[in-house]
Every structure is written in structure tokens, then in C-alpha cells.
Amino acid sequence: MQPRNMSMSGVVDLAAVKQAQEAKAKAEQARAEAARTGGAGAVSPADLVIDVDEAGFESEVLQRSTEVPVVIDFWAEWCEPCKQLSPVLERLAVEYNGRFLLAKIDVDANQMLMQQFGVQGIPAVFAVVAGQALPLFQGAASETQIRQTLDQLVQVGEERFGLTGLVVDPEAEPGAERPAAPERPAGPHDAALDAAVRAMDAGDLGGAVQAYKNVLAEEPGNTEAKLGLAQAELLQRVQNADPQKVRQEAADKQGDAQAQIAAADLDLVGGHVEDAFGRLIDTVRVTAGDDRDAVRLRLLELFEVVGADDPRVTAARRALARALF
């Protein structure tokens, strides 16, 4: 079963944001409990590398990815490059001491998973973080390159999704069942936020917008509601747009604020985050007065959609400051 928040592309998944918040609380609770009980609930170093098939994918990869980034190694017995790459990944999984989990998938025995991830050749390495899948690299890679990729993955897991990893105890029995983390108490606005996500899934964008506004009226600093509102409003704006017409007008009217704003919305919905940001920053440079202010405000709204901690937002904020001043 593939959950709704498993996405290979796109902008931001609302369910993953909520899942990340829950994951952080659960991971911190698990670590605190393990420390209190002298390592109970910890995993053995041998448990950091697991074989996964289609039947166990949801529990071993998707669910575990709410605790720790899961690196997936697609391999096959006949693949010679795999025999060079896999041992490096297995060694690094132990060396990183629970900061990521390595899941090995034999493509010959799991063709469906190979197709779902769009694997064109092996070895191929992906990651799943808080239920969201992303490609890491394909084919041969040096250990230095692999380490750099893993360092970035761990950083994203910690800083964007609150994943603090697994507790590793060298004395733990391999394969021991881990106790479930304590349930996080429901927040005062969880029901309203769940209703907003359901409205989004059903295509009721107006209902989602109102639900998020209701939460923000009572709790203006609610991160999930701010992010959800920004995305719902974005989708509402592009819902009835004619992409071909919008893009043609943007091409014909390079300095027109509204034409570029409309095209930037489409860029972002299509997952072209840097294109959307770059388009609006370029427009800021060639506009003035109310037009420039409208472009700047739309850019700030798109920052909300992507998330303040995304490195693309950080870079775009710097570029916007240079364009303005």
C-alpha cells in the first residue's frame, strides 16, 4: 500500500508536514525512554541493514521513515556494480550509528517496487523521509560522494522533518522487537487540520482554505496551518488556469507583473521551485511601485508553500534582498 504522502516530485505534502511533527516527538520520546531504561527499545547494529520485499515495504520502509531516513539500495545478484556499492552502503549504515536505515531490495524478486520508483537501471539508490521518496544516485559513486549525499540526507531529516534517528545499542539482540513509542497527545486543532487535509484530498480547496483560516484565527503561529493555507490558496489560483495561455503570455510580456506571477504559480505547482523563484526575482528587478510590491508579496507567499527551512527558500531570500536593495 502506498500512502498519499509518498511523492517523487511536487512542492510540499501537507500530510508529510504533520507526520514530521509527530515523528520528531516520537523519536525524542523513544530516545528518552531508551536512555531512562538503559537502552531498552534500542536496535542492534545488525538491524541497521535490512532486506525488504513488497509485503514488508509499508511497515519496514514507509512507517520506519517517520523515525529515521531510510536509504533504499536496489540491487540484483547478477549486477557486478551492485557488489561494489552495496558493501559500502552497509558499512556506512553501521558507521552512521542509526542516523539512517539501509533497506536492500532485490529487483528480480520485487518488480513492482522497481516500477513504482521508476528505476531504469541498477544499482539505484533512493531515500524515503517521512513517507516522501527521493532519488539519491544511480550507478557507481565514490565513497566521498556517497558520504556527502548521506550527510545531506541526514541533515534534511533532522532539520526539516525532525527525524533524530534510531538508538543503537551494541549489546541489543539482533531482530528484537522494538516497543512502540508512546502516543503523542492530540493537539487542540488536530481535528480541524485533519478536516482541511481531507478537503484538499477531495478537491474542496475552498473548504480547505477556510479550515486553515479557522485554525490560524485561534493560533496564528500554527506552522502546519500556515503551510496548508499557502498551498491550498496556490492550488485554488491555478485550478482553472489554461497552462498554455499563461505561459505564452509570460513569454510575450516579460516585464508584466501579473503575467509572471501567474506563470510562477504554475512553475511551483509543477515542482519547478527554483524556476518559480527565479522568475519572480527577475520580475522584481524590472518593475517598480505597486507591480513590484505585488511580485514581492507573491514570492513571499510561495516561500510559505515550500517552507522557510528549505535551502532553495534561503537562497531565494538572499537573491530577493539583492534585487530590492
C-alpha atoms as a PDB file:
ATOM      1  CA  MET A   1       0.000   0.000   0.000  1.00  0.00           C
ATOM      2  CA  GLN A   2       1.346   3.400  -0.963  1.00  0.00           C
ATOM      3  CA  PRO A   3       0.229   6.237   1.336  1.00  0.00           C
ATOM      4  CA  ARG A   4      -0.924   9.554  -0.056  1.00  0.00           C
ATOM      5  CA  ASN A   5       2.198  11.369   1.111  1.00  0.00           C
ATOM      6  CA  MET A   6       4.661   9.230  -0.817  1.00  0.00           C
ATOM      7  CA  SER A   7       5.629  11.608  -3.578  1.00  0.00           C
ATOM      8  CA  MET A   8       8.502  11.519  -6.031  1.00  0.00           C
ATOM      9  CA  SER A   9       8.036  15.175  -7.016  1.00  0.00           C
ATOM     10  CA  GLY A  10       5.948  18.254  -6.371  1.00  0.00           C
ATOM     11  CA  VAL A  11       6.121  21.046  -3.869  1.00  0.00           C
ATOM     12  CA  VAL A  12       5.118  20.224  -0.308  1.00  0.00           C
ATOM     13  CA  ASP A  13       2.950  17.429   1.050  1.00  0.00           C
ATOM     14  CA  LEU A  14       0.737  18.510   3.916  1.00  0.00           C
ATOM     15  CA  ALA A  15       0.400  15.044   5.398  1.00  0.00           C
ATOM     16  CA  ALA A  16       4.182  14.746   5.491  1.00  0.00           C
ATOM     17  CA  VAL A  17       4.462  18.000   7.435  1.00  0.00           C
ATOM     18  CA  LYS A  18       2.141  16.732  10.118  1.00  0.00           C
ATOM     19  CA  GLN A  19       3.857  13.353  10.056  1.00  0.00           C
ATOM     20  CA  ALA A  20       7.204  15.069  10.543  1.00  0.00           C
ATOM     21  CA  GLN A  21       5.972  16.869  13.633  1.00  0.00           C
ATOM     22  CA  GLU A  22       4.705  13.599  15.056  1.00  0.00           C
ATOM     23  CA  ALA A  23       7.923  11.837  14.074  1.00  0.00           C
ATOM     24  CA  LYS A  24      10.050  14.318  15.974  1.00  0.00           C
ATOM     25  CA  ALA A  25       8.015  13.878  19.132  1.00  0.00           C
ATOM     26  CA  LYS A  26       8.044  10.097  18.830  1.00  0.00           C
ATOM     27  CA  ALA A  27      11.777   9.900  18.110  1.00  0.00           C
ATOM     28  CA  GLU A  28      12.613  12.129  21.061  1.00  0.00           C
ATOM     29  CA  GLN A  29      10.328  10.087  23.310  1.00  0.00           C
ATOM     30  CA  ALA A  30      11.943   6.852  22.133  1.00  0.00           C
ATOM     31  CA  ARG A  31      15.439   8.176  22.774  1.00  0.00           C
ATOM     32  CA  ALA A  32      14.482   9.491  26.206  1.00  0.00           C
ATOM     33  CA  GLU A  33      12.860   6.183  27.104  1.00  0.00           C
ATOM     34  CA  ALA A  34      15.877   4.237  25.876  1.00  0.00           C
ATOM     35  CA  ALA A  35      18.198   6.397  27.961  1.00  0.00           C
ATOM     36  CA  ARG A  36      15.957   6.009  31.021  1.00  0.00           C
ATOM     37  CA  THR A  37      15.786   2.235  30.741  1.00  0.00           C
ATOM     38  CA  GLY A  38      19.414   1.693  29.841  1.00  0.00           C
ATOM     39  CA  GLY A  39      18.913   1.022  26.161  1.00  0.00           C
ATOM     40  CA  ALA A  40      15.523  -0.689  26.061  1.00  0.00           C
ATOM     41  CA  GLY A  41      13.961  -0.111  22.658  1.00  0.00           C
ATOM     42  CA  ALA A  42      17.356   0.340  21.014  1.00  0.00           C
ATOM     43  CA  VAL A  43      18.339  -1.613  17.921  1.00  0.00           C
ATOM     44  CA  SER A  44      21.368  -3.744  17.267  1.00  0.00           C
ATOM     45  CA  PRO A  45      23.937  -2.537  14.673  1.00  0.00           C
ATOM     46  CA  ALA A  46      22.900  -5.606  12.652  1.00  0.00           C
ATOM     47  CA  ASP A  47      19.366  -4.205  12.430  1.00  0.00           C
ATOM     48  CA  LEU A  48      20.568  -1.096  10.560  1.00  0.00           C
ATOM     49  CA  VAL A  49      20.698  -3.113   7.312  1.00  0.00           C
ATOM     50  CA  ILE A  50      17.514  -4.959   6.366  1.00  0.00           C
ATOM     51  CA  ASP A  51      16.200  -6.914   3.388  1.00  0.00           C
ATOM     52  CA  VAL A  52      12.804  -5.648   2.259  1.00  0.00           C
ATOM     53  CA  ASP A  53      10.205  -7.108  -0.090  1.00  0.00           C
ATOM     54  CA  GLU A  54       6.871  -5.851  -1.394  1.00  0.00           C
ATOM     55  CA  ALA A  55       4.919  -7.352   1.500  1.00  0.00           C
ATOM     56  CA  GLY A  56       7.032  -5.624   4.119  1.00  0.00           C
ATOM     57  CA  PHE A  57       7.624  -2.336   2.311  1.00  0.00           C
ATOM     58  CA  GLU A  58       4.965  -0.331   4.132  1.00  0.00           C
ATOM     59  CA  SER A  59       5.985  -1.399   7.631  1.00  0.00           C
ATOM     60  CA  GLU A  60       9.736  -1.622   7.110  1.00  0.00           C
ATOM     61  CA  VAL A  61      10.238   1.442   4.908  1.00  0.00           C
ATOM     62  CA  LEU A  62       7.276   3.817   4.919  1.00  0.00           C
ATOM     63  CA  GLN A  63       6.434   3.543   8.597  1.00  0.00           C
ATOM     64  CA  ARG A  64      10.071   3.450   9.695  1.00  0.00           C
ATOM     65  CA  SER A  65      10.753   6.588   7.631  1.00  0.00           C
ATOM     66  CA  THR A  66       8.766   8.574  10.207  1.00  0.00           C
ATOM     67  CA  GLU A  67      11.559   7.758  12.679  1.00  0.00           C
ATOM     68  CA  VAL A  68      14.686   7.701  10.544  1.00  0.00           C
ATOM     69  CA  PRO A  69      15.637   8.353   6.896  1.00  0.00           C
ATOM     70  CA  VAL A  70      15.508   5.044   5.018  1.00  0.00           C
ATOM     71  CA  VAL A  71      18.051   4.585   2.220  1.00  0.00           C
ATOM     72  CA  ILE A  72      16.946   2.032  -0.391  1.00  0.00           C
ATOM     73  CA  ASP A  73      19.544   0.026  -2.298  1.00  0.00           C
ATOM     74  CA  PHE A  74      18.023  -1.543  -5.428  1.00  0.00           C
ATOM     75  CA  TRP A  75      20.282  -4.439  -6.396  1.00  0.00           C
ATOM     76  CA  ALA A  76      20.408  -7.870  -8.059  1.00  0.00           C
ATOM     77  CA  GLU A  77      22.675 -10.882  -7.719  1.00  0.00           C
ATOM     78  CA  TRP A  78      23.853 -10.616 -11.338  1.00  0.00           C
ATOM     79  CA  CYS A  79      24.756  -6.897 -11.037  1.00  0.00           C
ATOM     80  CA  GLU A  80      28.523  -6.518 -10.694  1.00  0.00           C
ATOM     81  CA  PRO A  81      28.487  -2.778  -9.786  1.00  0.00           C
ATOM     82  CA  CYS A  82      25.977  -3.643  -7.040  1.00  0.00           C
ATOM     83  CA  LYS A  83      28.543  -5.947  -5.487  1.00  0.00           C
ATOM     84  CA  GLN A  84      30.886  -2.987  -5.144  1.00  0.00           C
ATOM     85  CA  LEU A  85      28.335  -0.438  -3.942  1.00  0.00           C
ATOM     86  CA  SER A  86      26.265  -2.495  -1.507  1.00  0.00           C
ATOM     87  CA  PRO A  87      29.102  -3.308   0.928  1.00  0.00           C
ATOM     88  CA  VAL A  88      29.998   0.387   1.128  1.00  0.00           C
ATOM     89  CA  LEU A  89      26.419   1.326   1.963  1.00  0.00           C
ATOM     90  CA  GLU A  90      26.196  -1.458   4.551  1.00  0.00           C
ATOM     91  CA  ARG A  91      29.411  -0.323   6.234  1.00  0.00           C
ATOM     92  CA  LEU A  92      28.300   3.310   6.271  1.00  0.00           C
ATOM     93  CA  ALA A  93      24.914   2.366   7.737  1.00  0.00           C
ATOM     94  CA  VAL A  94      26.723   0.944  10.766  1.00  0.00           C
ATOM     95  CA  GLU A  95      29.203   3.820  10.886  1.00  0.00           C
ATOM     96  CA  TYR A  96      26.415   6.440  10.892  1.00  0.00           C
ATOM     97  CA  ASN A  97      25.104   4.716  14.018  1.00  0.00           C
ATOM     98  CA  GLY A  98      21.354   4.945  13.454  1.00  0.00           C
ATOM     99  CA  ARG A  99      21.193   8.218  11.531  1.00  0.00           C
ATOM    100  CA  PHE A 100      19.790   6.277   8.582  1.00  0.00           C
ATOM    101  CA  LEU A 101      18.450   2.782   7.935  1.00  0.00           C
ATOM    102  CA  LEU A 102      19.541   0.808   4.859  1.00  0.00           C
ATOM    103  CA  ALA A 103      16.841  -1.231   3.099  1.00  0.00           C
ATOM    104  CA  LYS A 104      18.059  -3.639   0.409  1.00  0.00           C
ATOM    105  CA  ILE A 105      15.581  -4.549  -2.329  1.00  0.00           C
ATOM    106  CA  ASP A 106      16.274  -7.351  -4.825  1.00  0.00           C
ATOM    107  CA  VAL A 107      14.757  -6.069  -8.064  1.00  0.00           C
ATOM    108  CA  ASP A 108      14.349  -9.557  -9.544  1.00  0.00           C
ATOM    109  CA  ALA A 109      12.024 -10.521  -6.688  1.00  0.00           C
ATOM    110  CA  ASN A 110      10.301  -7.142  -6.342  1.00  0.00           C
ATOM    111  CA  GLN A 111       9.459  -5.868  -9.808  1.00  0.00           C
ATOM    112  CA  MET A 112       6.508  -3.801  -8.578  1.00  0.00           C
ATOM    113  CA  LEU A 113       8.662  -1.732  -6.239  1.00  0.00           C
ATOM    114  CA  MET A 114      11.185  -1.226  -9.004  1.00  0.00           C
ATOM    115  CA  GLN A 115       8.422   0.125 -11.257  1.00  0.00           C
ATOM    116  CA  GLN A 116       6.907   2.332  -8.558  1.00  0.00           C
ATOM    117  CA  PHE A 117      10.243   4.071  -8.025  1.00  0.00           C
ATOM    118  CA  GLY A 118      10.872   4.369 -11.753  1.00  0.00           C
ATOM    119  CA  VAL A 119      14.182   2.517 -11.544  1.00  0.00           C
ATOM    120  CA  GLN A 120      15.739   2.391 -15.014  1.00  0.00           C
ATOM    121  CA  GLY A 121      18.949   0.608 -14.101  1.00  0.00           C
ATOM    122  CA  ILE A 122      20.850  -0.704 -11.113  1.00  0.00           C
ATOM    123  CA  PRO A 123      22.443  -0.068  -8.776  1.00  0.00           C
ATOM    124  CA  ALA A 124      19.991   2.678  -7.918  1.00  0.00           C
ATOM    125  CA  VAL A 125      19.762   4.341  -4.534  1.00  0.00           C
ATOM    126  CA  PHE A 126      16.729   6.206  -3.223  1.00  0.00           C
ATOM    127  CA  ALA A 127      15.672   7.519   0.160  1.00  0.00           C
ATOM    128  CA  VAL A 128      12.319   7.758   1.908  1.00  0.00           C
ATOM    129  CA  VAL A 129      11.991  10.518   4.500  1.00  0.00           C
ATOM    130  CA  ALA A 130       8.739  10.984   6.432  1.00  0.00           C
ATOM    131  CA  GLY A 131       6.969   8.983   3.746  1.00  0.00           C
ATOM    132  CA  GLN A 132       8.367  11.007   0.841  1.00  0.00           C
ATOM    133  CA  ALA A 133      10.606   9.308  -1.703  1.00  0.00           C
ATOM    134  CA  LEU A 134      13.528  10.997  -3.433  1.00  0.00           C
ATOM    135  CA  PRO A 135      16.264   9.714  -5.744  1.00  0.00           C
ATOM    136  CA  LEU A 136      19.839   9.883  -4.431  1.00  0.00           C
ATOM    137  CA  PHE A 137      22.047   8.468  -7.203  1.00  0.00           C
ATOM    138  CA  GLN A 138      22.276   5.729  -9.814  1.00  0.00           C
ATOM    139  CA  GLY A 139      25.275   3.694 -10.860  1.00  0.00           C
ATOM    140  CA  ALA A 140      28.763   3.841  -9.459  1.00  0.00           C
ATOM    141  CA  ALA A 141      29.720   6.562  -6.986  1.00  0.00           C
ATOM    142  CA  SER A 142      32.822   7.198  -4.926  1.00  0.00           C
ATOM    143  CA  GLU A 143      32.682   6.813  -1.165  1.00  0.00           C
ATOM    144  CA  THR A 144      33.288  10.543  -0.824  1.00  0.00           C
ATOM    145  CA  GLN A 145      30.260  11.304  -2.991  1.00  0.00           C
ATOM    146  CA  ILE A 146      28.157   8.791  -1.081  1.00  0.00           C
ATOM    147  CA  ARG A 147      29.138  10.326   2.250  1.00  0.00           C
ATOM    148  CA  GLN A 148      28.263  13.819   1.014  1.00  0.00           C
ATOM    149  CA  THR A 149      24.863  12.591  -0.152  1.00  0.00           C
ATOM    150  CA  LEU A 150      24.194  10.806   3.137  1.00  0.00           C
ATOM    151  CA  ASP A 151      25.269  13.847   5.152  1.00  0.00           C
ATOM    152  CA  GLN A 152      22.776  15.999   3.227  1.00  0.00           C
ATOM    153  CA  LEU A 153      20.057  13.377   3.698  1.00  0.00           C
ATOM    154  CA  VAL A 154      20.622  13.188   7.443  1.00  0.00           C
ATOM    155  CA  GLN A 155      20.619  16.986   7.671  1.00  0.00           C
ATOM    156  CA  VAL A 156      17.304  17.231   5.800  1.00  0.00           C
ATOM    157  CA  GLY A 157      15.832  14.511   8.002  1.00  0.00           C
ATOM    158  CA  GLU A 158      16.863  16.308  11.173  1.00  0.00           C
ATOM    159  CA  GLU A 159      16.254  19.937  10.215  1.00  0.00           C
ATOM    160  CA  ARG A 160      13.186  19.682   8.011  1.00  0.00           C
ATOM    161  CA  PHE A 161      11.421  16.597   9.328  1.00  0.00           C
ATOM    162  CA  GLY A 162      12.653  16.362  12.896  1.00  0.00           C
ATOM    163  CA  LEU A 163      13.985  12.817  12.498  1.00  0.00           C
ATOM    164  CA  THR A 164      16.587  12.163  15.204  1.00  0.00           C
ATOM    165  CA  GLY A 165      17.320   8.608  14.081  1.00  0.00           C
ATOM    166  CA  LEU A 166      17.475   5.292  15.893  1.00  0.00           C
ATOM    167  CA  VAL A 167      19.083   4.471  19.225  1.00  0.00           C
ATOM    168  CA  VAL A 168      21.790   1.857  18.642  1.00  0.00           C
ATOM    169  CA  ASP A 169      22.984  -0.462  21.402  1.00  0.00           C
ATOM    170  CA  PRO A 170      25.857  -2.870  20.570  1.00  0.00           C
ATOM    171  CA  GLU A 171      24.540  -5.175  23.300  1.00  0.00           C
ATOM    172  CA  ALA A 172      21.000  -5.339  21.886  1.00  0.00           C
ATOM    173  CA  GLU A 173      19.813  -8.639  20.444  1.00  0.00           C
ATOM    174  CA  PRO A 174      19.563  -8.515  16.620  1.00  0.00           C
ATOM    175  CA  GLY A 175      15.978  -8.690  15.422  1.00  0.00           C
ATOM    176  CA  ALA A 176      14.479  -7.938  18.831  1.00  0.00           C
ATOM    177  CA  GLU A 177      11.013  -6.422  18.665  1.00  0.00           C
ATOM    178  CA  ARG A 178      11.063  -2.709  19.427  1.00  0.00           C
ATOM    179  CA  PRO A 179       8.416  -1.333  21.769  1.00  0.00           C
ATOM    180  CA  ALA A 180       6.064   1.197  20.251  1.00  0.00           C
ATOM    181  CA  ALA A 181       6.780   4.815  21.079  1.00  0.00           C
ATOM    182  CA  PRO A 182       4.254   6.491  23.365  1.00  0.00           C
ATOM    183  CA  GLU A 183       1.378   8.119  21.534  1.00  0.00           C
ATOM    184  CA  ARG A 184       1.580  11.892  21.258  1.00  0.00           C
ATOM    185  CA  PRO A 185      -1.449  13.607  22.793  1.00  0.00           C
ATOM    186  CA  ALA A 186      -3.736  15.100  20.176  1.00  0.00           C
ATOM    187  CA  GLY A 187      -3.343  18.853  19.778  1.00  0.00           C
ATOM    188  CA  PRO A 188      -6.311  21.230  20.118  1.00  0.00           C
ATOM    189  CA  HIS A 189      -6.526  21.786  16.352  1.00  0.00           C
ATOM    190  CA  ASP A 190      -5.761  18.269  15.078  1.00  0.00           C
ATOM    191  CA  ALA A 191      -9.390  17.608  14.069  1.00  0.00           C
ATOM    192  CA  ALA A 192      -9.590  20.854  12.099  1.00  0.00           C
ATOM    193  CA  LEU A 193      -6.256  20.188  10.413  1.00  0.00           C
ATOM    194  CA  ASP A 194      -7.315  16.642   9.513  1.00  0.00           C
ATOM    195  CA  ALA A 195     -10.534  18.047   8.039  1.00  0.00           C
ATOM    196  CA  ALA A 196      -8.506  20.502   5.962  1.00  0.00           C
ATOM    197  CA  VAL A 197      -6.303  17.722   4.568  1.00  0.00           C
ATOM    198  CA  ARG A 198      -9.397  15.644   3.747  1.00  0.00           C
ATOM    199  CA  ALA A 199     -10.882  18.635   1.945  1.00  0.00           C
ATOM    200  CA  MET A 200      -7.664  19.009  -0.051  1.00  0.00           C
ATOM    201  CA  ASP A 201      -7.713  15.326  -0.975  1.00  0.00           C
ATOM    202  CA  ALA A 202     -11.354  15.676  -2.095  1.00  0.00           C
ATOM    203  CA  GLY A 203     -10.575  18.730  -4.225  1.00  0.00           C
ATOM    204  CA  ASP A 204     -12.569  21.064  -1.991  1.00  0.00           C
ATOM    205  CA  LEU A 205      -9.999  23.827  -1.990  1.00  0.00           C
ATOM    206  CA  GLY A 206     -12.399  26.450  -0.672  1.00  0.00           C
ATOM    207  CA  GLY A 207     -13.230  24.250   2.287  1.00  0.00           C
ATOM    208  CA  ALA A 208      -9.536  23.621   2.951  1.00  0.00           C
ATOM    209  CA  VAL A 209      -8.752  27.340   2.821  1.00  0.00           C
ATOM    210  CA  GLN A 210     -11.494  28.108   5.324  1.00  0.00           C
ATOM    211  CA  ALA A 211     -10.451  25.277   7.646  1.00  0.00           C
ATOM    212  CA  TYR A 212      -6.872  26.505   7.752  1.00  0.00           C
ATOM    213  CA  LYS A 213      -8.018  30.088   8.309  1.00  0.00           C
ATOM    214  CA  ASN A 214     -10.141  28.910  11.245  1.00  0.00           C
ATOM    215  CA  VAL A 215      -7.080  27.334  12.874  1.00  0.00           C
ATOM    216  CA  LEU A 216      -4.954  30.428  12.283  1.00  0.00           C
ATOM    217  CA  ALA A 217      -7.633  32.675  13.749  1.00  0.00           C
ATOM    218  CA  GLU A 218      -7.131  30.887  17.075  1.00  0.00           C
ATOM    219  CA  GLU A 219      -3.434  30.063  16.722  1.00  0.00           C
ATOM    220  CA  PRO A 220      -1.691  32.472  14.298  1.00  0.00           C
ATOM    221  CA  GLY A 221       1.652  30.726  14.695  1.00  0.00           C
ATOM    222  CA  ASN A 222       0.468  27.225  13.737  1.00  0.00           C
ATOM    223  CA  THR A 223       3.106  26.113  11.220  1.00  0.00           C
ATOM    224  CA  GLU A 224       1.049  23.377   9.591  1.00  0.00           C
ATOM    225  CA  ALA A 225      -1.964  25.642   9.103  1.00  0.00           C
ATOM    226  CA  LYS A 226       0.188  28.417   7.580  1.00  0.00           C
ATOM    227  CA  LEU A 227       1.785  25.956   5.191  1.00  0.00           C
ATOM    228  CA  GLY A 228      -1.544  24.340   4.370  1.00  0.00           C
ATOM    229  CA  LEU A 229      -3.253  27.654   3.701  1.00  0.00           C
ATOM    230  CA  ALA A 230      -0.457  28.771   1.398  1.00  0.00           C
ATOM    231  CA  GLN A 231      -0.666  25.563  -0.626  1.00  0.00           C
ATOM    232  CA  ALA A 232      -4.466  25.495  -0.745  1.00  0.00           C
ATOM    233  CA  GLU A 233      -4.574  29.081  -1.982  1.00  0.00           C
ATOM    234  CA  LEU A 234      -1.925  28.303  -4.582  1.00  0.00           C
ATOM    235  CA  LEU A 235      -3.887  25.336  -5.908  1.00  0.00           C
ATOM    236  CA  GLN A 236      -7.051  27.427  -5.892  1.00  0.00           C
ATOM    237  CA  ARG A 237      -5.361  30.065  -8.057  1.00  0.00           C
ATOM    238  CA  VAL A 238      -4.225  27.599 -10.726  1.00  0.00           C
ATOM    239  CA  GLN A 239      -7.316  25.379 -10.629  1.00  0.00           C
ATOM    240  CA  ASN A 240      -8.947  26.882 -13.714  1.00  0.00           C
ATOM    241  CA  ALA A 241      -5.868  28.258 -15.434  1.00  0.00           C
ATOM    242  CA  ASP A 242      -5.005  27.394 -19.027  1.00  0.00           C
ATOM    243  CA  PRO A 243      -1.294  26.496 -18.733  1.00  0.00           C
ATOM    244  CA  GLN A 244      -0.525  27.076 -22.397  1.00  0.00           C
ATOM    245  CA  LYS A 245      -2.147  30.506 -22.381  1.00  0.00           C
ATOM    246  CA  VAL A 246      -0.485  31.504 -19.095  1.00  0.00           C
ATOM    247  CA  ARG A 247       2.967  30.522 -20.314  1.00  0.00           C
ATOM    248  CA  GLN A 248       2.509  32.208 -23.686  1.00  0.00           C
ATOM    249  CA  GLU A 249       1.504  35.464 -22.001  1.00  0.00           C
ATOM    250  CA  ALA A 250       4.509  35.231 -19.692  1.00  0.00           C
ATOM    251  CA  ALA A 251       6.796  34.734 -22.707  1.00  0.00           C
ATOM    252  CA  ASP A 252       5.206  37.651 -24.584  1.00  0.00           C
ATOM    253  CA  LYS A 253       5.121  40.025 -21.592  1.00  0.00           C
ATOM    254  CA  GLN A 254       8.483  39.629 -19.876  1.00  0.00           C
ATOM    255  CA  GLY A 255       8.034  42.693 -17.672  1.00  0.00           C
ATOM    256  CA  ASP A 256       4.356  42.234 -16.872  1.00  0.00           C
ATOM    257  CA  ALA A 257       3.931  41.532 -13.160  1.00  0.00           C
ATOM    258  CA  GLN A 258       0.617  39.654 -13.330  1.00  0.00           C
ATOM    259  CA  ALA A 259       1.715  37.500 -16.261  1.00  0.00           C
ATOM    260  CA  GLN A 260       4.892  36.444 -14.450  1.00  0.00           C
ATOM    261  CA  ILE A 261       3.031  35.871 -11.167  1.00  0.00           C
ATOM    262  CA  ALA A 262       0.574  33.526 -12.889  1.00  0.00           C
ATOM    263  CA  ALA A 263       3.396  31.605 -14.574  1.00  0.00           C
ATOM    264  CA  ALA A 264       5.315  31.333 -11.300  1.00  0.00           C
ATOM    265  CA  ASP A 265       2.272  29.727  -9.668  1.00  0.00           C
ATOM    266  CA  LEU A 266       2.247  27.092 -12.406  1.00  0.00           C
ATOM    267  CA  ASP A 267       6.000  26.587 -12.044  1.00  0.00           C
ATOM    268  CA  LEU A 268       5.635  25.835  -8.362  1.00  0.00           C
ATOM    269  CA  VAL A 269       2.653  23.518  -8.736  1.00  0.00           C
ATOM    270  CA  GLY A 270       4.677  21.589 -11.289  1.00  0.00           C
ATOM    271  CA  GLY A 271       7.524  21.188  -8.822  1.00  0.00           C
ATOM    272  CA  HIS A 272       9.825  23.702 -10.557  1.00  0.00           C
ATOM    273  CA  VAL A 273      10.609  25.583  -7.366  1.00  0.00           C
ATOM    274  CA  GLU A 274      13.771  27.377  -8.457  1.00  0.00           C
ATOM    275  CA  ASP A 275      12.176  28.407 -11.771  1.00  0.00           C
ATOM    276  CA  ALA A 276       9.251  29.977  -9.914  1.00  0.00           C
ATOM    277  CA  PHE A 277      11.521  31.861  -7.541  1.00  0.00           C
ATOM    278  CA  GLY A 278      13.893  32.974 -10.282  1.00  0.00           C
ATOM    279  CA  ARG A 279      11.042  34.219 -12.469  1.00  0.00           C
ATOM    280  CA  LEU A 280       9.665  36.456  -9.723  1.00  0.00           C
ATOM    281  CA  ILE A 281      13.059  37.735  -8.599  1.00  0.00           C
ATOM    282  CA  ASP A 282      13.863  38.686 -12.200  1.00  0.00           C
ATOM    283  CA  THR A 283      10.494  40.487 -12.380  1.00  0.00           C
ATOM    284  CA  VAL A 284      11.233  42.390  -9.166  1.00  0.00           C
ATOM    285  CA  ARG A 285      14.353  43.747 -10.870  1.00  0.00           C
ATOM    286  CA  VAL A 286      12.419  45.218 -13.826  1.00  0.00           C
ATOM    287  CA  THR A 287       9.286  46.505 -12.092  1.00  0.00           C
ATOM    288  CA  ALA A 288       8.504  49.323  -9.689  1.00  0.00           C
ATOM    289  CA  GLY A 289       5.765  50.634  -7.432  1.00  0.00           C
ATOM    290  CA  ASP A 290       2.633  48.544  -6.948  1.00  0.00           C
ATOM    291  CA  ASP A 291       3.690  45.985  -9.558  1.00  0.00           C
ATOM    292  CA  ARG A 292       6.960  45.324  -7.809  1.00  0.00           C
ATOM    293  CA  ASP A 293       5.220  45.049  -4.463  1.00  0.00           C
ATOM    294  CA  ALA A 294       2.704  42.553  -5.864  1.00  0.00           C
ATOM    295  CA  VAL A 295       5.514  40.374  -7.194  1.00  0.00           C
ATOM    296  CA  ARG A 296       7.400  40.552  -3.902  1.00  0.00           C
ATOM    297  CA  LEU A 297       4.318  39.582  -1.894  1.00  0.00           C
ATOM    298  CA  ARG A 298       3.551  36.623  -4.170  1.00  0.00           C
ATOM    299  CA  LEU A 299       7.144  35.455  -3.806  1.00  0.00           C
ATOM    300  CA  LEU A 300       6.816  35.570  -0.019  1.00  0.00           C
ATOM    301  CA  GLU A 301       3.613  33.511  -0.292  1.00  0.00           C
ATOM    302  CA  LEU A 302       5.435  30.908  -2.369  1.00  0.00           C
ATOM    303  CA  PHE A 303       8.172  30.790   0.265  1.00  0.00           C
ATOM    304  CA  GLU A 304       5.436  29.754   2.719  1.00  0.00           C
ATOM    305  CA  VAL A 305       4.373  26.938   0.397  1.00  0.00           C
ATOM    306  CA  VAL A 306       7.852  25.467   0.160  1.00  0.00           C
ATOM    307  CA  GLY A 307       8.830  26.038   3.791  1.00  0.00           C
ATOM    308  CA  ALA A 308      11.159  28.523   5.441  1.00  0.00           C
ATOM    309  CA  ASP A 309      13.850  25.942   6.171  1.00  0.00           C
ATOM    310  CA  ASP A 310      14.174  24.768   2.567  1.00  0.00           C
ATOM    311  CA  PRO A 311      17.628  25.759   1.202  1.00  0.00           C
ATOM    312  CA  ARG A 312      16.010  26.978  -2.026  1.00  0.00           C
ATOM    313  CA  VAL A 313      13.986  29.462   0.001  1.00  0.00           C
ATOM    314  CA  THR A 314      17.089  30.621   1.856  1.00  0.00           C
ATOM    315  CA  ALA A 315      18.924  31.218  -1.421  1.00  0.00           C
ATOM    316  CA  ALA A 316      15.925  32.985  -2.964  1.00  0.00           C
ATOM    317  CA  ARG A 317      15.566  35.287   0.057  1.00  0.00           C
ATOM    318  CA  ARG A 318      19.166  36.400  -0.420  1.00  0.00           C
ATOM    319  CA  ALA A 319      18.581  36.954  -4.140  1.00  0.00           C
ATOM    320  CA  LEU A 320      15.400  38.924  -3.405  1.00  0.00           C
ATOM    321  CA  ALA A 321      17.265  41.160  -0.970  1.00  0.00           C
ATOM    322  CA  ARG A 322      19.885  41.882  -3.633  1.00  0.00           C
ATOM    323  CA  ALA A 323      17.188  42.647  -6.183  1.00  0.00           C
ATOM    324  CA  LEU A 324      15.391  45.027  -3.827  1.00  0.00           C
ATOM    325  CA  PHE A 325      18.387  46.837  -2.409  1.00  0.00           C
END
